[in-house]
Amino acid sequence: MPPLLDAPLASPRPVARRRPGGTAAGQLARALARRGVRHAFGIPGGDVLPLVEALHGEGVPFVLTRHEASAAFAAGAASVLTGRPGLCVATLGPGAMNLLAGLAGAWLDRQRVVAVTGRLPRGIRSACTHMELDHGRLFAGLTRRTVELDGTAATLARALAPLDAGRPGRGWRRCRPARRCGG
């Protein structure tokens, strides 16, 4: 039986680094690559394709998963195995919600995971309600910080600051031995 493909799926040679423009996706991809992100895991959608392309340009391959939760678990595993931040990517709405199980695991295990989701443009959010969720509120209980990127360096620095500071994952709380500690 002849092979289905004439060429291998992945080139054994390293990807040539291209420098995407000064877009928010390009800035985020450069910042994540500088912090040691080696792979991005997820399911791409139209709203996150600029990031996927920018990551490719920075030499960070995108690994397609079958489910967004698997992407978050894979990012957590990559964090544990490499000692560097893991990255998971999902589209907006249900795709973003599907990251929650994997992010909860990363949070509880104190893994360094960055989750990036798509978002509708501000001007049409109220008109397209079937895919719009408040991502900030959705992820607030499982992340150190949720930020909507606006293309400014200050916002990007604020978004990625938890990667550079302190112990990853859940906040730490000191308890007296006689008292029970919750969370």
N, C-alpha and C. Protein backbone atom coordinates (compact mmCIF):
# COMPACT_ATOMS: atom_id res chain seq x y z
N MET A 1 0.85 -1.18 0.00
CA MET A 1 0.00 0.00 0.00
C MET A 1 0.89 1.25 0.00
N PRO A 2 0.64 2.22 -0.86
CA PRO A 2 1.49 3.41 -0.92
C PRO A 2 1.29 4.29 0.32
N PRO A 3 2.30 5.04 0.68
CA PRO A 3 2.15 5.94 1.84
C PRO A 3 1.12 7.02 1.55
N LEU A 4 0.48 7.47 2.63
CA LEU A 4 -0.54 8.51 2.50
C LEU A 4 0.06 9.88 2.22
N LEU A 5 1.26 10.08 2.69
CA LEU A 5 1.93 11.37 2.50
C LEU A 5 3.27 11.15 1.82
N ASP A 6 3.64 12.03 0.95
CA ASP A 6 4.93 11.93 0.29
C ASP A 6 6.06 12.48 1.15
N ALA A 7 5.74 13.37 2.08
CA ALA A 7 6.76 14.02 2.91
C ALA A 7 6.43 13.78 4.38
N PRO A 8 7.42 13.78 5.24
CA PRO A 8 7.14 13.63 6.67
C PRO A 8 6.33 14.81 7.19
N LEU A 9 5.59 14.58 8.26
CA LEU A 9 4.77 15.63 8.84
C LEU A 9 5.60 16.75 9.46
N ALA A 10 6.72 16.41 10.04
CA ALA A 10 7.55 17.43 10.69
C ALA A 10 8.96 17.36 10.11
N SER A 11 9.53 18.49 9.87
CA SER A 11 10.88 18.56 9.35
C SER A 11 11.86 18.30 10.48
N PRO A 12 12.89 17.47 10.23
CA PRO A 12 13.88 17.24 11.28
C PRO A 12 14.78 18.43 11.51
N ARG A 13 14.79 19.38 10.58
CA ARG A 13 15.61 20.57 10.73
C ARG A 13 14.90 21.60 11.59
N PRO A 14 15.63 22.41 12.37
CA PRO A 14 14.98 23.45 13.17
C PRO A 14 14.28 24.47 12.28
N VAL A 15 13.23 25.02 12.79
CA VAL A 15 12.46 26.03 12.07
C VAL A 15 13.24 27.34 12.05
N ALA A 16 13.31 27.96 10.90
CA ALA A 16 13.98 29.26 10.80
C ALA A 16 13.17 30.28 11.58
N ARG A 17 13.82 31.07 12.36
CA ARG A 17 13.12 32.06 13.18
C ARG A 17 12.76 33.27 12.35
N ARG A 18 11.46 33.56 12.31
CA ARG A 18 10.98 34.77 11.65
C ARG A 18 10.52 35.73 12.72
N ARG A 19 10.61 36.96 12.47
CA ARG A 19 10.18 37.97 13.42
C ARG A 19 8.86 38.56 12.96
N PRO A 20 7.74 38.13 13.61
CA PRO A 20 6.47 38.74 13.23
C PRO A 20 6.44 40.20 13.65
N GLY A 21 5.50 40.93 13.11
CA GLY A 21 5.40 42.36 13.42
C GLY A 21 5.15 42.63 14.89
N GLY A 22 4.91 43.85 15.20
CA GLY A 22 4.72 44.27 16.57
C GLY A 22 3.32 44.02 17.09
N THR A 23 2.67 42.95 16.65
CA THR A 23 1.33 42.64 17.13
C THR A 23 1.38 42.11 18.54
N ALA A 24 0.23 42.08 19.20
CA ALA A 24 0.15 41.50 20.54
C ALA A 24 0.55 40.03 20.50
N ALA A 25 0.14 39.32 19.45
CA ALA A 25 0.51 37.91 19.32
C ALA A 25 2.03 37.75 19.18
N GLY A 26 2.65 38.58 18.37
CA GLY A 26 4.09 38.53 18.20
C GLY A 26 4.84 38.86 19.48
N GLN A 27 4.37 39.87 20.20
CA GLN A 27 5.00 40.24 21.46
C GLN A 27 4.88 39.12 22.49
N LEU A 28 3.69 38.52 22.57
CA LEU A 28 3.47 37.42 23.51
C LEU A 28 4.34 36.22 23.14
N ALA A 29 4.40 35.87 21.87
CA ALA A 29 5.22 34.74 21.44
C ALA A 29 6.70 34.96 21.78
N ARG A 30 7.21 36.16 21.54
CA ARG A 30 8.61 36.46 21.87
C ARG A 30 8.85 36.36 23.37
N ALA A 31 7.93 36.91 24.15
CA ALA A 31 8.09 36.88 25.61
C ALA A 31 8.05 35.46 26.14
N LEU A 32 7.16 34.63 25.61
CA LEU A 32 7.08 33.24 26.07
C LEU A 32 8.31 32.45 25.66
N ALA A 33 8.79 32.67 24.44
CA ALA A 33 10.01 31.98 23.99
C ALA A 33 11.20 32.38 24.85
N ARG A 34 11.30 33.66 25.21
CA ARG A 34 12.39 34.12 26.08
C ARG A 34 12.34 33.48 27.46
N ARG A 35 11.15 33.14 27.90
CA ARG A 35 10.99 32.51 29.22
C ARG A 35 11.14 30.99 29.15
N GLY A 36 11.45 30.48 27.98
CA GLY A 36 11.78 29.06 27.85
C GLY A 36 10.65 28.15 27.41
N VAL A 37 9.52 28.69 27.00
CA VAL A 37 8.44 27.83 26.51
C VAL A 37 8.94 27.09 25.28
N ARG A 38 8.81 25.76 25.28
CA ARG A 38 9.32 24.95 24.18
C ARG A 38 8.23 24.45 23.24
N HIS A 39 7.01 24.29 23.74
CA HIS A 39 5.89 23.79 22.94
C HIS A 39 4.62 24.50 23.37
N ALA A 40 3.70 24.61 22.45
CA ALA A 40 2.35 25.09 22.76
C ALA A 40 1.40 23.94 22.45
N PHE A 41 0.43 23.71 23.32
CA PHE A 41 -0.51 22.62 23.16
C PHE A 41 -1.91 23.21 23.04
N GLY A 42 -2.74 22.63 22.17
CA GLY A 42 -4.10 23.13 22.09
C GLY A 42 -4.82 22.80 20.82
N ILE A 43 -5.94 23.50 20.64
CA ILE A 43 -6.76 23.40 19.45
C ILE A 43 -6.88 24.82 18.91
N PRO A 44 -6.37 25.05 17.71
CA PRO A 44 -6.41 26.41 17.18
C PRO A 44 -7.79 26.79 16.66
N GLY A 45 -8.09 28.03 16.74
CA GLY A 45 -9.29 28.60 16.15
C GLY A 45 -8.91 29.90 15.48
N GLY A 46 -9.81 30.47 14.72
CA GLY A 46 -9.50 31.68 13.97
C GLY A 46 -8.94 32.81 14.80
N ASP A 47 -9.42 32.94 16.03
CA ASP A 47 -9.00 34.05 16.87
C ASP A 47 -7.61 33.86 17.48
N VAL A 48 -7.09 32.64 17.56
CA VAL A 48 -5.75 32.43 18.12
C VAL A 48 -4.72 32.04 17.06
N LEU A 49 -5.13 31.98 15.79
CA LEU A 49 -4.18 31.64 14.73
C LEU A 49 -3.01 32.61 14.62
N PRO A 50 -3.20 33.93 14.83
CA PRO A 50 -2.03 34.81 14.81
C PRO A 50 -0.99 34.42 15.87
N LEU A 51 -1.44 33.97 17.04
CA LEU A 51 -0.49 33.53 18.07
C LEU A 51 0.21 32.25 17.65
N VAL A 52 -0.52 31.30 17.11
CA VAL A 52 0.07 30.05 16.65
C VAL A 52 1.16 30.33 15.61
N GLU A 53 0.86 31.22 14.68
CA GLU A 53 1.84 31.59 13.65
C GLU A 53 3.04 32.32 14.27
N ALA A 54 2.79 33.20 15.21
CA ALA A 54 3.89 33.92 15.86
C ALA A 54 4.77 32.97 16.67
N LEU A 55 4.16 32.00 17.34
CA LEU A 55 4.94 31.00 18.08
C LEU A 55 5.81 30.20 17.12
N HIS A 56 5.25 29.82 15.99
CA HIS A 56 6.03 29.10 14.97
C HIS A 56 7.23 29.94 14.53
N GLY A 57 7.01 31.22 14.35
CA GLY A 57 8.09 32.11 13.97
C GLY A 57 9.18 32.23 15.02
N GLU A 58 8.82 31.98 16.27
CA GLU A 58 9.79 32.03 17.37
C GLU A 58 10.42 30.66 17.64
N GLY A 59 10.06 29.66 16.82
CA GLY A 59 10.63 28.32 17.00
C GLY A 59 9.91 27.50 18.05
N VAL A 60 8.69 27.87 18.42
CA VAL A 60 7.89 27.12 19.40
C VAL A 60 6.81 26.37 18.62
N PRO A 61 6.96 25.05 18.48
CA PRO A 61 5.97 24.30 17.70
C PRO A 61 4.63 24.19 18.42
N PHE A 62 3.57 24.11 17.63
CA PHE A 62 2.22 23.95 18.16
C PHE A 62 1.86 22.47 18.05
N VAL A 63 1.47 21.88 19.18
CA VAL A 63 1.09 20.47 19.23
C VAL A 63 -0.43 20.41 19.31
N LEU A 64 -1.05 19.87 18.28
CA LEU A 64 -2.50 19.76 18.22
C LEU A 64 -2.96 18.65 19.14
N THR A 65 -3.92 18.97 20.02
CA THR A 65 -4.49 17.97 20.92
C THR A 65 -5.93 17.69 20.51
N ARG A 66 -6.51 16.64 21.05
CA ARG A 66 -7.89 16.29 20.71
C ARG A 66 -8.91 17.06 21.55
N HIS A 67 -8.47 17.61 22.65
CA HIS A 67 -9.38 18.33 23.55
C HIS A 67 -8.57 19.39 24.28
N GLU A 68 -9.21 20.48 24.62
CA GLU A 68 -8.52 21.57 25.30
C GLU A 68 -8.03 21.15 26.69
N ALA A 69 -8.79 20.31 27.39
CA ALA A 69 -8.33 19.84 28.71
C ALA A 69 -7.02 19.08 28.56
N SER A 70 -6.90 18.27 27.51
CA SER A 70 -5.65 17.55 27.24
C SER A 70 -4.51 18.53 27.01
N ALA A 71 -4.80 19.65 26.37
CA ALA A 71 -3.78 20.67 26.14
C ALA A 71 -3.27 21.24 27.46
N ALA A 72 -4.19 21.51 28.38
CA ALA A 72 -3.79 22.05 29.67
C ALA A 72 -2.99 21.03 30.48
N PHE A 73 -3.42 19.76 30.44
CA PHE A 73 -2.66 18.71 31.14
C PHE A 73 -1.28 18.55 30.51
N ALA A 74 -1.19 18.60 29.19
CA ALA A 74 0.10 18.48 28.50
C ALA A 74 1.01 19.65 28.86
N ALA A 75 0.46 20.85 28.95
CA ALA A 75 1.26 22.02 29.34
C ALA A 75 1.80 21.86 30.76
N GLY A 76 0.96 21.31 31.64
CA GLY A 76 1.42 21.05 33.01
C GLY A 76 2.53 20.01 33.03
N ALA A 77 2.38 18.95 32.25
CA ALA A 77 3.42 17.92 32.17
C ALA A 77 4.71 18.49 31.61
N ALA A 78 4.60 19.33 30.57
CA ALA A 78 5.79 19.96 29.99
C ALA A 78 6.49 20.83 31.03
N SER A 79 5.71 21.51 31.86
CA SER A 79 6.29 22.34 32.91
C SER A 79 7.09 21.50 33.91
N VAL A 80 6.51 20.38 34.31
CA VAL A 80 7.19 19.50 35.26
C VAL A 80 8.44 18.90 34.65
N LEU A 81 8.35 18.46 33.41
CA LEU A 81 9.47 17.76 32.78
C LEU A 81 10.62 18.68 32.40
N THR A 82 10.31 19.92 32.03
CA THR A 82 11.37 20.83 31.57
C THR A 82 11.78 21.86 32.60
N GLY A 83 10.94 22.09 33.62
CA GLY A 83 11.22 23.14 34.58
C GLY A 83 10.94 24.53 34.02
N ARG A 84 10.31 24.59 32.86
CA ARG A 84 9.98 25.86 32.20
C ARG A 84 8.46 25.97 32.11
N PRO A 85 7.96 27.15 31.84
CA PRO A 85 6.51 27.29 31.74
C PRO A 85 5.92 26.45 30.60
N GLY A 86 4.75 25.88 30.86
CA GLY A 86 4.00 25.18 29.83
C GLY A 86 2.97 26.13 29.24
N LEU A 87 2.56 25.90 28.01
CA LEU A 87 1.64 26.80 27.33
C LEU A 87 0.50 26.00 26.71
N CYS A 88 -0.74 26.40 27.03
CA CYS A 88 -1.89 25.82 26.36
C CYS A 88 -2.69 26.94 25.71
N VAL A 89 -3.28 26.62 24.56
CA VAL A 89 -3.98 27.62 23.75
C VAL A 89 -5.35 27.07 23.38
N ALA A 90 -6.37 27.90 23.51
CA ALA A 90 -7.73 27.50 23.14
C ALA A 90 -8.44 28.68 22.52
N THR A 91 -9.46 28.37 21.78
CA THR A 91 -10.29 29.40 21.20
C THR A 91 -11.26 29.93 22.26
N LEU A 92 -12.11 30.82 21.87
CA LEU A 92 -13.02 31.44 22.83
C LEU A 92 -14.20 30.54 23.19
N GLY A 93 -15.00 30.95 24.17
CA GLY A 93 -16.22 30.26 24.56
C GLY A 93 -15.98 28.88 25.11
N PRO A 94 -16.61 27.86 24.53
CA PRO A 94 -16.47 26.50 25.04
C PRO A 94 -15.03 26.00 25.04
N GLY A 95 -14.24 26.42 24.07
CA GLY A 95 -12.83 26.02 24.05
C GLY A 95 -12.10 26.50 25.29
N ALA A 96 -12.37 27.73 25.69
CA ALA A 96 -11.76 28.27 26.91
C ALA A 96 -12.24 27.51 28.14
N MET A 97 -13.53 27.21 28.19
CA MET A 97 -14.06 26.48 29.35
C MET A 97 -13.45 25.09 29.47
N ASN A 98 -13.14 24.46 28.35
CA ASN A 98 -12.58 23.12 28.39
C ASN A 98 -11.18 23.08 28.99
N LEU A 99 -10.50 24.20 29.09
CA LEU A 99 -9.18 24.24 29.72
C LEU A 99 -9.25 24.08 31.23
N LEU A 100 -10.41 24.32 31.82
CA LEU A 100 -10.52 24.43 33.28
C LEU A 100 -10.02 23.20 34.04
N ALA A 101 -10.36 21.98 33.61
CA ALA A 101 -9.93 20.79 34.35
C ALA A 101 -8.42 20.69 34.40
N GLY A 102 -7.76 20.90 33.27
CA GLY A 102 -6.30 20.84 33.24
C GLY A 102 -5.65 21.96 34.02
N LEU A 103 -6.25 23.16 33.97
CA LEU A 103 -5.71 24.28 34.74
C LEU A 103 -5.89 24.06 36.24
N ALA A 104 -6.99 23.43 36.62
CA ALA A 104 -7.18 23.11 38.04
C ALA A 104 -6.09 22.16 38.51
N GLY A 105 -5.76 21.17 37.70
CA GLY A 105 -4.67 20.26 38.05
C GLY A 105 -3.34 20.99 38.16
N ALA A 106 -3.07 21.88 37.22
CA ALA A 106 -1.83 22.66 37.27
C ALA A 106 -1.78 23.55 38.51
N TRP A 107 -2.90 24.14 38.84
CA TRP A 107 -3.00 25.02 40.02
C TRP A 107 -2.71 24.22 41.28
N LEU A 108 -3.35 23.06 41.42
CA LEU A 108 -3.18 22.25 42.63
C LEU A 108 -1.78 21.66 42.74
N ASP A 109 -1.16 21.36 41.60
CA ASP A 109 0.18 20.79 41.61
C ASP A 109 1.29 21.82 41.49
N ARG A 110 0.91 23.09 41.51
CA ARG A 110 1.86 24.20 41.45
C ARG A 110 2.75 24.14 40.22
N GLN A 111 2.14 23.92 39.08
CA GLN A 111 2.87 23.88 37.82
C GLN A 111 2.79 25.24 37.15
N ARG A 112 3.84 25.60 36.46
CA ARG A 112 3.86 26.88 35.73
C ARG A 112 3.21 26.68 34.37
N VAL A 113 1.98 27.12 34.25
CA VAL A 113 1.23 26.96 33.01
C VAL A 113 0.64 28.31 32.62
N VAL A 114 0.80 28.66 31.36
CA VAL A 114 0.18 29.85 30.79
C VAL A 114 -0.94 29.37 29.88
N ALA A 115 -2.14 29.90 30.08
CA ALA A 115 -3.27 29.58 29.22
C ALA A 115 -3.62 30.83 28.42
N VAL A 116 -3.72 30.67 27.13
CA VAL A 116 -4.08 31.78 26.24
C VAL A 116 -5.35 31.39 25.51
N THR A 117 -6.35 32.25 25.58
CA THR A 117 -7.60 31.99 24.87
C THR A 117 -7.92 33.14 23.95
N GLY A 118 -8.75 32.86 22.98
CA GLY A 118 -9.23 33.91 22.10
C GLY A 118 -10.32 34.71 22.78
N ARG A 119 -10.64 35.84 22.20
CA ARG A 119 -11.69 36.70 22.75
C ARG A 119 -12.29 37.50 21.61
N LEU A 120 -13.59 37.68 21.65
CA LEU A 120 -14.24 38.51 20.65
C LEU A 120 -13.80 39.97 20.80
N PRO A 121 -13.74 40.72 19.71
CA PRO A 121 -13.44 42.15 19.83
C PRO A 121 -14.49 42.84 20.70
N ARG A 122 -14.06 43.83 21.46
CA ARG A 122 -14.97 44.52 22.39
C ARG A 122 -16.25 45.02 21.73
N GLY A 123 -16.14 45.52 20.52
CA GLY A 123 -17.28 46.12 19.85
C GLY A 123 -18.41 45.17 19.52
N ILE A 124 -18.13 43.87 19.43
CA ILE A 124 -19.20 42.94 19.06
C ILE A 124 -19.54 41.94 20.17
N ARG A 125 -18.96 42.09 21.35
CA ARG A 125 -19.21 41.13 22.43
C ARG A 125 -20.67 41.03 22.82
N SER A 126 -21.36 42.14 22.88
CA SER A 126 -22.77 42.09 23.29
C SER A 126 -23.66 41.52 22.20
N ALA A 127 -23.22 41.55 20.95
CA ALA A 127 -24.03 41.05 19.84
C ALA A 127 -23.84 39.55 19.60
N CYS A 128 -22.70 39.00 19.99
CA CYS A 128 -22.38 37.59 19.74
C CYS A 128 -22.32 36.84 21.06
N THR A 129 -23.43 36.68 21.69
CA THR A 129 -23.45 36.11 23.04
C THR A 129 -23.23 34.61 23.09
N HIS A 130 -23.41 33.88 22.00
CA HIS A 130 -23.29 32.43 22.06
C HIS A 130 -21.87 31.94 22.30
N MET A 131 -20.87 32.74 22.04
CA MET A 131 -19.48 32.33 22.24
C MET A 131 -18.76 33.20 23.27
N GLU A 132 -19.42 34.15 23.84
CA GLU A 132 -18.76 35.10 24.73
C GLU A 132 -18.94 34.73 26.19
N LEU A 133 -17.84 34.60 26.87
CA LEU A 133 -17.81 34.38 28.32
C LEU A 133 -16.86 35.39 28.92
N ASP A 134 -17.06 35.71 30.17
CA ASP A 134 -16.13 36.58 30.87
C ASP A 134 -14.94 35.73 31.32
N HIS A 135 -13.89 35.72 30.52
CA HIS A 135 -12.74 34.88 30.80
C HIS A 135 -12.04 35.26 32.10
N GLY A 136 -12.03 36.53 32.42
CA GLY A 136 -11.41 36.96 33.67
C GLY A 136 -12.07 36.30 34.87
N ARG A 137 -13.37 36.32 34.91
CA ARG A 137 -14.09 35.70 36.02
C ARG A 137 -14.02 34.18 35.95
N LEU A 138 -14.04 33.64 34.74
CA LEU A 138 -13.99 32.19 34.56
C LEU A 138 -12.70 31.59 35.12
N PHE A 139 -11.58 32.24 34.85
CA PHE A 139 -10.29 31.69 35.25
C PHE A 139 -9.75 32.26 36.57
N ALA A 140 -10.42 33.22 37.17
CA ALA A 140 -9.89 33.91 38.35
C ALA A 140 -9.57 32.97 39.50
N GLY A 141 -10.36 31.94 39.73
CA GLY A 141 -10.12 31.04 40.85
C GLY A 141 -9.00 30.05 40.63
N LEU A 142 -8.52 29.92 39.39
CA LEU A 142 -7.50 28.91 39.07
C LEU A 142 -6.21 29.51 38.54
N THR A 143 -6.10 30.81 38.55
CA THR A 143 -4.90 31.44 38.02
C THR A 143 -4.40 32.52 38.98
N ARG A 144 -3.15 32.81 38.89
CA ARG A 144 -2.61 33.92 39.67
C ARG A 144 -3.02 35.26 39.08
N ARG A 145 -3.23 35.28 37.76
CA ARG A 145 -3.59 36.54 37.11
C ARG A 145 -4.30 36.25 35.81
N THR A 146 -5.34 37.02 35.53
CA THR A 146 -5.98 36.98 34.22
C THR A 146 -5.88 38.38 33.63
N VAL A 147 -5.44 38.45 32.38
CA VAL A 147 -5.20 39.73 31.74
C VAL A 147 -5.71 39.66 30.31
N GLU A 148 -6.36 40.71 29.87
CA GLU A 148 -6.72 40.83 28.46
C GLU A 148 -5.64 41.67 27.80
N LEU A 149 -4.91 41.06 26.88
CA LEU A 149 -3.80 41.75 26.23
C LEU A 149 -4.31 42.83 25.30
N ASP A 150 -3.64 43.96 25.32
CA ASP A 150 -4.04 45.09 24.48
C ASP A 150 -2.92 45.55 23.56
N GLY A 151 -1.82 44.80 23.52
CA GLY A 151 -0.71 45.15 22.64
C GLY A 151 0.32 46.05 23.28
N THR A 152 0.13 46.43 24.55
CA THR A 152 1.12 47.28 25.21
C THR A 152 2.11 46.42 25.99
N ALA A 153 3.32 46.90 26.08
CA ALA A 153 4.37 46.17 26.80
C ALA A 153 4.04 46.09 28.29
N ALA A 154 3.43 47.11 28.85
CA ALA A 154 3.11 47.10 30.28
C ALA A 154 2.10 46.01 30.62
N THR A 155 1.09 45.85 29.77
CA THR A 155 0.08 44.81 30.01
C THR A 155 0.70 43.43 29.87
N LEU A 156 1.56 43.24 28.89
CA LEU A 156 2.23 41.97 28.70
C LEU A 156 3.13 41.65 29.90
N ALA A 157 3.86 42.63 30.38
CA ALA A 157 4.72 42.42 31.55
C ALA A 157 3.90 42.05 32.78
N ARG A 158 2.76 42.72 32.96
CA ARG A 158 1.88 42.41 34.08
C ARG A 158 1.30 41.01 33.95
N ALA A 159 0.97 40.59 32.73
CA ALA A 159 0.41 39.26 32.50
C ALA A 159 1.41 38.16 32.82
N LEU A 160 2.67 38.36 32.47
CA LEU A 160 3.67 37.31 32.63
C LEU A 160 4.48 37.41 33.92
N ALA A 161 4.26 38.43 34.72
CA ALA A 161 5.00 38.60 35.97
C ALA A 161 4.93 37.40 36.90
N PRO A 162 3.78 36.71 37.04
CA PRO A 162 3.76 35.54 37.93
C PRO A 162 4.72 34.43 37.52
N LEU A 163 5.10 34.36 36.26
CA LEU A 163 6.06 33.35 35.83
C LEU A 163 7.45 33.61 36.40
N ASP A 164 7.74 34.87 36.65
CA ASP A 164 9.08 35.26 37.07
C ASP A 164 9.23 35.37 38.58
N ALA A 165 8.14 35.27 39.31
CA ALA A 165 8.21 35.54 40.75
C ALA A 165 7.62 34.40 41.56
N GLY A 166 8.37 33.99 42.55
CA GLY A 166 7.84 33.09 43.57
C GLY A 166 7.52 31.69 43.10
N ARG A 167 6.86 31.02 43.98
CA ARG A 167 6.47 29.64 43.78
C ARG A 167 5.28 29.57 42.83
N PRO A 168 5.31 28.68 41.85
CA PRO A 168 4.19 28.61 40.92
C PRO A 168 2.94 28.02 41.55
N GLY A 169 1.81 28.26 40.94
CA GLY A 169 0.56 27.64 41.37
C GLY A 169 -0.14 28.37 42.47
N ARG A 170 -0.80 27.60 43.32
CA ARG A 170 -1.64 28.15 44.36
C ARG A 170 -0.87 29.04 45.32
N GLY A 171 -1.59 29.95 45.92
CA GLY A 171 -1.00 30.79 46.95
C GLY A 171 -0.71 29.96 48.19
N TRP A 172 0.25 30.37 48.95
CA TRP A 172 0.66 29.63 50.14
C TRP A 172 0.08 30.31 51.35
N ARG A 173 -0.41 29.52 52.30
CA ARG A 173 -0.97 30.07 53.53
C ARG A 173 -0.37 29.33 54.72
N ARG A 174 0.03 30.09 55.73
CA ARG A 174 0.60 29.51 56.94
C ARG A 174 -0.51 29.35 57.96
N CYS A 175 -0.54 28.20 58.62
CA CYS A 175 -1.58 27.92 59.62
C CYS A 175 -0.94 27.55 60.94
N ARG A 176 -1.64 27.88 61.99
CA ARG A 176 -1.21 27.40 63.31
C ARG A 176 -1.57 25.92 63.40
N PRO A 177 -0.76 25.12 64.06
CA PRO A 177 -1.04 23.69 64.12
C PRO A 177 -2.41 23.34 64.72
N ALA A 178 -2.92 24.16 65.62
CA ALA A 178 -4.18 23.85 66.28
C ALA A 178 -5.40 24.21 65.40
N ARG A 179 -5.18 24.93 64.32
CA ARG A 179 -6.30 25.37 63.48
C ARG A 179 -6.26 24.65 62.15
N ARG A 180 -7.44 24.47 61.57
CA ARG A 180 -7.53 23.88 60.24
C ARG A 180 -7.36 24.98 59.20
N CYS A 181 -6.76 24.61 58.10
CA CYS A 181 -6.53 25.55 57.02
C CYS A 181 -7.37 25.15 55.83
N GLY A 182 -8.09 26.07 55.26
CA GLY A 182 -8.82 25.79 54.03
C GLY A 182 -8.14 26.47 52.86
N GLY A 183 -7.99 25.76 51.74
CA GLY A 183 -7.45 26.34 50.49
C GLY A 183 -6.05 26.63 50.57
